[in-house]
Structure formats: C-alpha cells, structure tokens
Amino acid sequence: MKIAIPVQDKSIEASMHDSFGRAPYYLLYNTNTKENDFLDHRASVAQGGSGIRAAQVLADNGVKAVITKQCGENAEKVFSNAEVLVYEAIPGSVRQNIEALIKDELRLMSKFKTTKKE
C-alpha cells in the first residue's frame, strides 16, 4: 500500500509537518516494497486551496492512506472521493508513524479543520 506523510525535509528521518496542506514535501512510502520517494508541494505557499491540490496529486499518485497531524475538510472530501484513508499522526517520528500504521495502531481522523468563510 502506498502511504503519504507531510514532511518538513526530504528525509524519512524528517519531522512531520504540522499542516497537511502547507507541507513543502510529501513522503511517499510503499509498505509492500519498503521504498520511499518524495513529492514537492509547489502549492504550499498558495493563498488558498493548497490542501485540495495536494490531496488530488496524492490520490492521482496512487496513495491509499495519509498520516497527518491535521487536515482540512476540503482535502478530506478529495480523499473520501478517491477512497484514501486519513489517519491521525501519533507523537514521534515519521518512521514511528509508518510502523504504527503497519501494526494497525493508528486511528482514522475524525475531526477535520473547517474552512474559514470571509
């Protein structure tokens, strides 16, 4: 299964980014082959819609699960339509979160950040 995690740097030892839509990179990890790759998130500095764009790119890249600290409700809609599961990150490293997902120790995210209406 291919999973994605928002990260601060292009390293499996990197810190998880606090925000799904504002992460500069996404670690793509294949739980079957143990291979990883990184996607640049060019829309991370956009005024709005960066989470939606990232969610669509990840879904288009075959991601089936995302581990994140927080996720917006609009990105969640994209994930839901693409049948991508969103899991709540646990305190710890990216590697620890991957291991927790493999061991089925992560919870599905139930609260998504709402979009502010101006």
Protein backbone atom coordinates (compact mmCIF):
# COMPACT_ATOMS: atom_id res chain seq x y z
CA MET A 1 0.00 0.00 0.00
CA LYS A 2 1.27 3.47 -0.82
CA ILE A 3 1.02 5.99 2.02
CA ALA A 4 1.82 9.71 2.20
CA ILE A 5 3.06 11.85 5.07
CA PRO A 6 3.58 15.64 5.01
CA VAL A 7 7.21 16.31 5.93
CA GLN A 8 9.47 19.29 6.52
CA ASP A 9 12.50 17.90 4.63
CA LYS A 10 13.25 15.21 2.04
CA SER A 11 14.27 12.53 4.54
CA ILE A 12 12.49 9.59 6.15
CA GLU A 13 14.04 10.90 9.37
CA ALA A 14 12.47 14.35 8.82
CA SER A 15 9.94 15.88 11.14
CA MET A 16 6.31 15.53 10.24
CA HIS A 17 4.88 18.85 9.10
CA ASP A 18 2.15 20.28 11.35
CA SER A 19 -0.23 21.07 8.49
CA PHE A 20 -1.20 18.75 5.64
CA GLY A 21 -1.80 21.49 3.05
CA ARG A 22 1.21 23.64 3.91
CA ALA A 23 3.89 20.93 3.91
CA PRO A 24 6.74 21.60 1.47
CA TYR A 25 7.11 17.86 0.71
CA TYR A 26 5.22 14.59 0.98
CA LEU A 27 6.97 11.34 1.76
CA LEU A 28 5.50 8.52 -0.32
CA TYR A 29 6.15 5.16 1.28
CA ASN A 30 5.24 1.76 -0.13
CA THR A 31 4.51 -0.66 2.72
CA ASN A 32 4.99 -3.67 0.41
CA THR A 33 8.37 -2.79 -1.12
CA LYS A 34 9.62 -0.51 1.73
CA GLU A 35 10.65 2.05 -0.93
CA ASN A 36 10.14 5.75 -0.44
CA ASP A 37 10.07 8.83 -2.64
CA PHE A 38 9.26 12.49 -2.17
CA LEU A 39 6.86 14.84 -3.90
CA ASP A 40 7.48 18.58 -3.90
CA HIS A 41 4.39 20.55 -2.93
CA ARG A 42 4.61 23.62 -5.11
CA ALA A 43 1.23 24.93 -3.96
CA SER A 44 2.25 25.03 -0.28
CA VAL A 45 2.60 28.82 -0.40
CA ALA A 46 -0.64 29.46 -2.30
CA GLN A 47 -3.23 31.79 -0.78
CA GLY A 48 -5.84 29.04 -0.67
CA GLY A 49 -6.64 25.58 -1.90
CA SER A 50 -3.18 24.12 -1.29
CA GLY A 51 -4.59 21.18 0.65
CA ILE A 52 -7.11 20.35 -2.06
CA ARG A 53 -4.40 20.41 -4.72
CA ALA A 54 -2.08 18.26 -2.63
CA ALA A 55 -4.85 15.76 -1.91
CA GLN A 56 -5.62 15.41 -5.61
CA VAL A 57 -1.95 14.95 -6.56
CA LEU A 58 -1.52 12.28 -3.88
CA ALA A 59 -4.67 10.46 -4.96
CA ASP A 60 -3.51 10.64 -8.60
CA ASN A 61 -0.21 9.06 -7.49
CA GLY A 62 -1.99 6.01 -6.09
CA VAL A 63 -1.80 6.90 -2.39
CA LYS A 64 -4.27 4.85 -0.33
CA ALA A 65 -3.55 6.29 3.14
CA VAL A 66 -2.31 9.57 4.60
CA ILE A 67 -0.85 10.11 8.06
CA THR A 68 -1.07 13.71 9.24
CA LYS A 69 -1.42 15.89 12.33
CA GLN A 70 -4.29 17.87 10.80
CA CYS A 71 -6.20 18.00 7.55
CA GLY A 72 -8.76 20.42 6.16
CA GLU A 73 -12.29 19.37 5.37
CA ASN A 74 -11.93 20.23 1.67
CA ALA A 75 -8.87 17.99 1.31
CA GLU A 76 -10.76 15.29 3.21
CA LYS A 77 -13.55 15.44 0.60
CA VAL A 78 -11.00 14.80 -2.16
CA PHE A 79 -9.57 11.89 -0.17
CA SER A 80 -13.01 10.47 0.54
CA ASN A 81 -13.96 10.57 -3.15
CA ALA A 82 -10.66 8.86 -4.05
CA GLU A 83 -11.07 6.26 -1.25
CA VAL A 84 -7.92 7.43 0.54
CA LEU A 85 -7.94 6.89 4.31
CA VAL A 86 -6.70 9.70 6.57
CA TYR A 87 -5.03 8.68 9.84
CA GLU A 88 -4.18 10.78 12.89
CA ALA A 89 -0.45 11.02 13.50
CA ILE A 90 0.93 9.98 16.86
CA PRO A 91 3.68 11.88 18.65
CA GLY A 92 7.00 10.69 17.34
CA SER A 93 8.98 10.40 14.17
CA VAL A 94 7.80 9.78 10.63
CA ARG A 95 9.27 6.29 10.87
CA GLN A 96 7.35 5.60 14.11
CA ASN A 97 4.12 6.67 12.44
CA ILE A 98 4.76 4.38 9.48
CA GLU A 99 5.43 1.47 11.84
CA ALA A 100 2.27 2.28 13.83
CA LEU A 101 0.18 2.25 10.63
CA ILE A 102 1.64 -1.09 9.56
CA LYS A 103 0.79 -2.51 13.01
CA ASP A 104 -2.76 -1.07 12.72
CA GLU A 105 -2.19 1.19 15.74
CA LEU A 106 -3.32 4.50 14.21
CA ARG A 107 -6.84 5.89 14.39
CA LEU A 108 -8.74 7.25 11.44
CA MET A 109 -9.03 11.02 11.64
CA SER A 110 -12.50 12.11 12.70
CA LYS A 111 -12.08 15.89 13.07
CA PHE A 112 -11.08 17.95 10.07
CA LYS A 113 -10.17 21.62 10.09
CA THR A 114 -13.01 23.77 8.79
CA THR A 115 -12.50 26.35 6.11
CA LYS A 116 -12.98 29.95 7.27
CA LYS A 117 -15.62 31.94 5.39
CA GLU A 118 -14.57 35.55 4.79
